[in-house]
């Protein structure tokens, strides 16, 4: 299979299965809260629906920035697929993509001119100050493995066993990172209910379709990254079960935990990142 075909197949899989995972996550939350909830394929159906709906452009929008930002948001996660599942490249590049994502998230809110979007982009700065330290835990992985290439991390685990046994605190920190990006997360301050849909409030039609496409891909790639880093190169069935387990656990937590205010959200995540980083260093050198 040539590279381009491999990329296209992985993008399609990430969109389709990522949509199902988000639908399953929403169903779990609904059941825990004693609601019937929408069908599991609802996120997928909504994504397709928006691609065929009329696109609205608010008068306050900064054009063409308002339009291009959604394509950029989608493009960076497709780049993450190429670096991750396709090439099994550097975690440092995925970290850079995540940093760019936080910048795009910030500018997506400010480009619409909406007061809700502006509030969301301010909160995006807060969330970046807590989520990026969580992702920086990959430095511990480098100290343990001696490489940041995903292929080398997989090879290391084939010989020495899964990293979840050697670096349990790293696993917890990475899970909190995924939890922070899950729908209705207690750390999801950029989309708090007090600011409607946050930076997505003013995007409709085709533009919202691109955003929902990027959400599906990002959820898939973050779940894949977590499983690959912590457990190694799994079989297809193991990846499916693992991703469903992640969706279930995050749905359970989000259904029973209110959204924190921005200050508490930031301090909680920074504290977890600090404990995970320092604790992992101590365990590596003294145990």
Protein backbone atom coordinates (compact mmCIF):
# COMPACT_ATOMS: atom_id res chain seq x y z
CA UNK A 1 0.00 0.00 0.00
CA UNK A 2 1.46 3.37 -0.98
CA UNK A 3 1.78 6.22 1.48
CA UNK A 4 -1.08 8.34 0.13
CA UNK A 5 -3.55 5.44 0.25
CA UNK A 6 -2.42 4.65 3.79
CA UNK A 7 -3.01 8.26 4.86
CA UNK A 8 -6.48 8.38 3.28
CA UNK A 9 -7.50 5.10 4.92
CA UNK A 10 -6.27 6.25 8.34
CA UNK A 11 -8.08 9.59 8.03
CA UNK A 12 -11.33 7.82 7.13
CA UNK A 13 -10.94 5.33 9.98
CA UNK A 14 -10.15 8.09 12.47
CA UNK A 15 -13.20 10.12 11.40
CA UNK A 16 -15.62 7.20 11.37
CA UNK A 17 -14.45 5.46 14.52
CA UNK A 18 -13.72 8.75 16.30
CA UNK A 19 -17.33 9.79 15.64
CA UNK A 20 -18.60 6.49 17.05
CA UNK A 21 -16.41 6.91 20.14
CA UNK A 22 -17.77 10.41 20.77
CA UNK A 23 -21.30 9.10 20.29
CA UNK A 24 -20.62 6.25 22.72
CA UNK A 25 -19.15 8.74 25.21
CA UNK A 26 -22.31 10.85 25.01
CA UNK A 27 -24.51 7.75 25.40
CA UNK A 28 -22.62 6.69 28.54
CA UNK A 29 -23.10 10.13 30.07
CA UNK A 30 -26.81 10.07 29.27
CA UNK A 31 -27.34 6.62 30.80
CA UNK A 32 -25.51 7.57 34.01
CA UNK A 33 -27.67 10.71 34.26
CA UNK A 34 -30.79 8.56 33.70
CA UNK A 35 -31.50 9.95 30.24
CA UNK A 36 -32.06 7.85 27.08
CA UNK A 37 -29.51 9.87 25.14
CA UNK A 38 -29.06 10.11 21.37
CA UNK A 39 -28.03 7.20 19.12
CA UNK A 40 -24.34 6.31 19.20
CA UNK A 41 -24.01 7.42 15.57
CA UNK A 42 -25.43 10.89 16.36
CA UNK A 43 -22.08 12.70 16.23
CA UNK A 44 -21.35 11.13 12.86
CA UNK A 45 -24.78 12.13 11.54
CA UNK A 46 -24.38 15.69 12.81
CA UNK A 47 -20.97 15.95 11.19
CA UNK A 48 -22.40 14.97 7.81
CA UNK A 49 -25.47 17.17 8.28
CA UNK A 50 -23.45 20.34 8.77
CA UNK A 51 -21.54 19.80 5.53
CA UNK A 52 -24.83 20.21 3.66
CA UNK A 53 -26.38 23.01 5.70
CA UNK A 54 -26.20 26.69 4.81
CA UNK A 55 -23.05 28.40 6.06
CA UNK A 56 -23.67 31.59 8.06
CA UNK A 57 -21.17 34.42 8.37
CA UNK A 58 -21.67 36.87 11.27
CA UNK A 59 -21.15 40.55 10.49
CA UNK A 60 -18.59 40.80 13.28
CA UNK A 61 -16.39 38.03 11.83
CA UNK A 62 -12.84 38.71 10.74
CA UNK A 63 -12.87 37.35 7.19
CA UNK A 64 -11.13 35.31 5.72
CA UNK A 65 -9.51 34.39 9.03
CA UNK A 66 -12.89 33.24 10.33
CA UNK A 67 -13.15 30.77 7.43
CA UNK A 68 -9.59 29.50 7.21
CA UNK A 69 -9.24 28.75 10.91
CA UNK A 70 -11.59 25.76 10.68
CA UNK A 71 -9.62 24.23 7.79
CA UNK A 72 -6.40 24.73 9.76
CA UNK A 73 -7.98 23.07 12.80
CA UNK A 74 -8.85 20.05 10.68
CA UNK A 75 -5.50 20.02 8.88
CA UNK A 76 -3.33 19.90 12.00
CA UNK A 77 -5.08 16.77 13.26
CA UNK A 78 -4.70 15.11 9.87
CA UNK A 79 -0.98 15.94 10.21
CA UNK A 80 -1.05 14.22 13.62
CA UNK A 81 -2.46 11.09 11.97
CA UNK A 82 0.39 11.10 9.46
CA UNK A 83 3.01 11.49 12.19
CA UNK A 84 1.28 9.02 14.54
CA UNK A 85 -0.50 5.92 13.18
CA UNK A 86 0.94 6.21 9.65
CA UNK A 87 4.64 6.96 10.19
CA UNK A 88 4.95 6.34 13.93
CA UNK A 89 7.15 9.42 14.11
CA UNK A 90 8.20 11.76 16.88
CA UNK A 91 6.10 12.53 19.95
CA UNK A 92 7.79 15.93 19.95
CA UNK A 93 6.08 16.76 16.65
CA UNK A 94 2.72 15.69 18.05
CA UNK A 95 3.40 17.94 21.05
CA UNK A 96 4.08 20.78 18.60
CA UNK A 97 0.81 20.01 16.79
CA UNK A 98 -1.03 20.11 20.11
CA UNK A 99 0.54 23.50 20.87
CA UNK A 100 -0.60 24.78 17.45
CA UNK A 101 -4.06 23.39 18.20
CA UNK A 102 -4.26 25.51 21.35
CA UNK A 103 -3.32 28.58 19.28
CA UNK A 104 -6.00 27.74 16.71
CA UNK A 105 -8.55 27.16 19.47
CA UNK A 106 -7.74 30.62 20.81
CA UNK A 107 -7.99 32.34 17.43
CA UNK A 108 -11.15 30.47 16.40
CA UNK A 109 -12.96 32.24 19.21
CA UNK A 110 -11.55 35.68 18.55
CA UNK A 111 -12.13 35.55 14.78
CA UNK A 112 -15.94 35.49 15.05
CA UNK A 113 -16.29 38.68 17.06
CA UNK A 114 -18.76 36.95 19.37
CA UNK A 115 -18.51 37.83 23.07
CA UNK A 116 -18.84 34.11 23.84
CA UNK A 117 -16.03 33.31 21.44
CA UNK A 118 -13.85 36.02 22.93
CA UNK A 119 -14.44 34.69 26.42
CA UNK A 120 -13.58 31.22 25.17
CA UNK A 121 -10.32 32.38 23.58
CA UNK A 122 -9.31 33.98 26.88
CA UNK A 123 -10.01 30.69 28.61
CA UNK A 124 -8.04 28.90 25.89
CA UNK A 125 -4.96 30.75 27.13
CA UNK A 126 -5.70 29.51 30.65
CA UNK A 127 -6.22 25.94 29.46
CA UNK A 128 -3.01 26.02 27.41
CA UNK A 129 -1.06 26.89 30.55
CA UNK A 130 -2.32 23.68 32.15
CA UNK A 131 -2.70 21.24 29.23
CA UNK A 132 0.74 21.82 27.70
CA UNK A 133 2.51 20.93 31.01
CA UNK A 134 0.45 17.73 31.01
CA UNK A 135 1.73 16.89 27.53
CA UNK A 136 5.28 17.79 28.57
CA UNK A 137 5.31 14.54 30.57
CA UNK A 138 6.68 12.96 27.38
CA UNK A 139 10.08 14.20 28.61
CA UNK A 140 9.92 11.43 31.23
CA UNK A 141 9.26 8.92 28.45
CA UNK A 142 12.41 10.16 26.69
CA UNK A 143 14.46 9.67 29.86
CA UNK A 144 13.11 6.13 30.23
CA UNK A 145 13.25 5.00 26.61
CA UNK A 146 16.02 7.21 25.23
CA UNK A 147 13.92 8.28 22.25
CA UNK A 148 10.74 10.19 21.43
CA UNK A 149 9.99 8.25 18.27
CA UNK A 150 6.82 6.21 18.64
CA UNK A 151 8.43 3.31 16.75
CA UNK A 152 11.28 3.24 19.29
CA UNK A 153 8.81 3.39 22.20
CA UNK A 154 6.96 0.41 20.73
CA UNK A 155 10.24 -1.52 20.31
CA UNK A 156 11.21 -0.71 23.91
CA UNK A 157 7.89 -2.08 25.18
CA UNK A 158 8.27 -5.24 23.10
CA UNK A 159 11.44 -5.96 25.07
CA UNK A 160 10.80 -4.46 28.52
CA UNK A 161 7.01 -4.60 28.81
CA UNK A 162 4.37 -1.87 28.71
CA UNK A 163 5.27 1.55 30.06
CA UNK A 164 2.15 1.63 32.23
CA UNK A 165 3.98 -0.76 34.59
CA UNK A 166 7.20 1.26 34.62
CA UNK A 167 5.73 4.79 34.52
CA UNK A 168 2.26 4.62 36.13
CA UNK A 169 2.25 8.34 36.97
CA UNK A 170 2.93 9.17 33.31
CA UNK A 171 -0.09 7.08 32.38
CA UNK A 172 -2.26 9.01 34.85
CA UNK A 173 -1.06 12.38 33.52
CA UNK A 174 -1.71 11.36 29.91
CA UNK A 175 -5.18 10.14 30.86
CA UNK A 176 -5.94 13.49 32.48
CA UNK A 177 -4.85 15.14 29.23
CA UNK A 178 -7.38 13.02 27.32
CA UNK A 179 -10.00 13.75 29.98
CA UNK A 180 -9.43 17.48 29.54
CA UNK A 181 -10.28 17.20 25.81
CA UNK A 182 -13.35 14.99 26.24
CA UNK A 183 -16.84 16.50 25.78
CA UNK A 184 -18.30 18.04 28.96
CA UNK A 185 -15.01 17.51 30.78
CA UNK A 186 -14.64 19.05 34.25
CA UNK A 187 -11.59 20.77 32.74
CA UNK A 188 -13.43 21.88 29.57
CA UNK A 189 -13.46 25.58 30.39
CA UNK A 190 -13.26 26.70 26.73
CA UNK A 191 -16.73 25.24 26.14
CA UNK A 192 -18.34 25.87 29.50
CA UNK A 193 -22.12 26.06 29.51
CA UNK A 194 -21.92 29.69 30.63
CA UNK A 195 -20.39 30.61 27.24
CA UNK A 196 -22.72 28.49 25.07
CA UNK A 197 -20.38 26.51 22.75
CA UNK A 198 -17.29 28.62 23.35
CA UNK A 199 -15.15 29.21 20.28
CA UNK A 200 -17.62 27.17 18.18
CA UNK A 201 -20.62 29.37 18.96
CA UNK A 202 -20.63 31.36 15.71
CA UNK A 203 -19.53 28.64 13.28
CA UNK A 204 -22.33 27.02 11.29
CA UNK A 205 -22.83 24.93 8.19
CA UNK A 206 -19.71 23.79 6.36
CA UNK A 207 -17.44 25.47 8.92
CA UNK A 208 -19.02 23.57 11.81
CA UNK A 209 -18.70 20.39 9.75
CA UNK A 210 -14.93 20.89 9.56
CA UNK A 211 -14.81 21.51 13.32
CA UNK A 212 -16.77 18.33 14.06
CA UNK A 213 -14.54 16.40 11.67
CA UNK A 214 -11.48 17.64 13.55
CA UNK A 215 -13.09 16.68 16.89
CA UNK A 216 -13.56 13.09 15.75
CA UNK A 217 -10.01 12.84 14.40
CA UNK A 218 -8.46 14.45 17.49
CA UNK A 219 -10.33 12.13 19.87
CA UNK A 220 -9.17 9.11 17.86
CA UNK A 221 -5.53 10.21 17.67
CA UNK A 222 -5.33 11.10 21.39
CA UNK A 223 -6.83 7.71 22.33
CA UNK A 224 -4.47 5.92 19.94
CA UNK A 225 -1.48 7.81 21.32
CA UNK A 226 -2.40 6.98 24.92
CA UNK A 227 -2.80 3.27 24.21
CA UNK A 228 0.34 3.04 22.08
CA UNK A 229 2.55 4.90 24.54
CA UNK A 230 1.29 3.12 27.63
CA UNK A 231 0.61 -0.40 26.30
CA UNK A 232 2.59 -0.75 23.07
CA UNK A 233 1.56 -1.68 19.54
CA UNK A 234 -1.75 -3.48 20.11
CA UNK A 235 -3.89 -5.62 17.84
CA UNK A 236 -6.83 -4.02 16.05
CA UNK A 237 -9.29 -5.60 18.49
CA UNK A 238 -7.25 -4.40 21.49
CA UNK A 239 -7.22 -0.84 20.13
CA UNK A 240 -11.01 -0.95 19.68
CA UNK A 241 -11.59 -2.27 23.20
CA UNK A 242 -9.09 0.19 24.66
CA UNK A 243 -10.64 3.21 22.93
CA UNK A 244 -14.12 2.15 24.03
CA UNK A 245 -12.82 1.81 27.59
CA UNK A 246 -11.36 5.33 27.44
CA UNK A 247 -14.66 6.71 26.13
CA UNK A 248 -16.55 4.89 28.90
CA UNK A 249 -14.25 6.07 31.71
CA UNK A 250 -14.22 9.70 30.57
CA UNK A 251 -18.01 9.58 30.11
CA UNK A 252 -18.41 8.22 33.64
CA UNK A 253 -16.20 10.94 35.11
CA UNK A 254 -17.79 13.76 33.11
CA UNK A 255 -21.33 12.64 33.94
CA UNK A 256 -20.66 12.78 37.67
CA UNK A 257 -18.31 15.78 37.89
CA UNK A 258 -19.31 19.43 37.34
CA UNK A 259 -17.20 21.71 35.16
CA UNK A 260 -14.62 23.46 37.31
CA UNK A 261 -14.15 27.20 37.21
CA UNK A 262 -11.09 28.32 35.19
CA UNK A 263 -8.80 28.87 38.19
CA UNK A 264 -9.58 25.52 39.78
CA UNK A 265 -9.25 23.76 36.41
CA UNK A 266 -5.83 25.23 35.73
CA UNK A 267 -4.46 24.62 39.21
CA UNK A 268 -5.77 21.04 39.30
CA UNK A 269 -4.10 20.11 36.01
CA UNK A 270 -0.84 21.88 36.82
CA UNK A 271 -0.74 20.09 40.18
CA UNK A 272 -1.31 16.71 38.50
CA UNK A 273 1.40 17.47 35.91
CA UNK A 274 3.86 18.51 38.63
CA UNK A 275 3.18 15.48 40.81
CA UNK A 276 3.41 13.17 37.81
CA UNK A 277 6.66 14.71 36.57
CA UNK A 278 8.47 14.88 39.93
CA UNK A 279 7.10 11.54 41.12
CA UNK A 280 8.22 9.82 37.91
CA UNK A 281 11.71 11.31 38.22
CA UNK A 282 12.02 10.14 41.82
CA UNK A 283 10.82 6.64 40.96
CA UNK A 284 13.26 6.38 38.05
CA UNK A 285 16.35 7.40 40.03
CA UNK A 286 15.63 6.03 43.50
CA UNK A 287 13.51 2.89 43.01
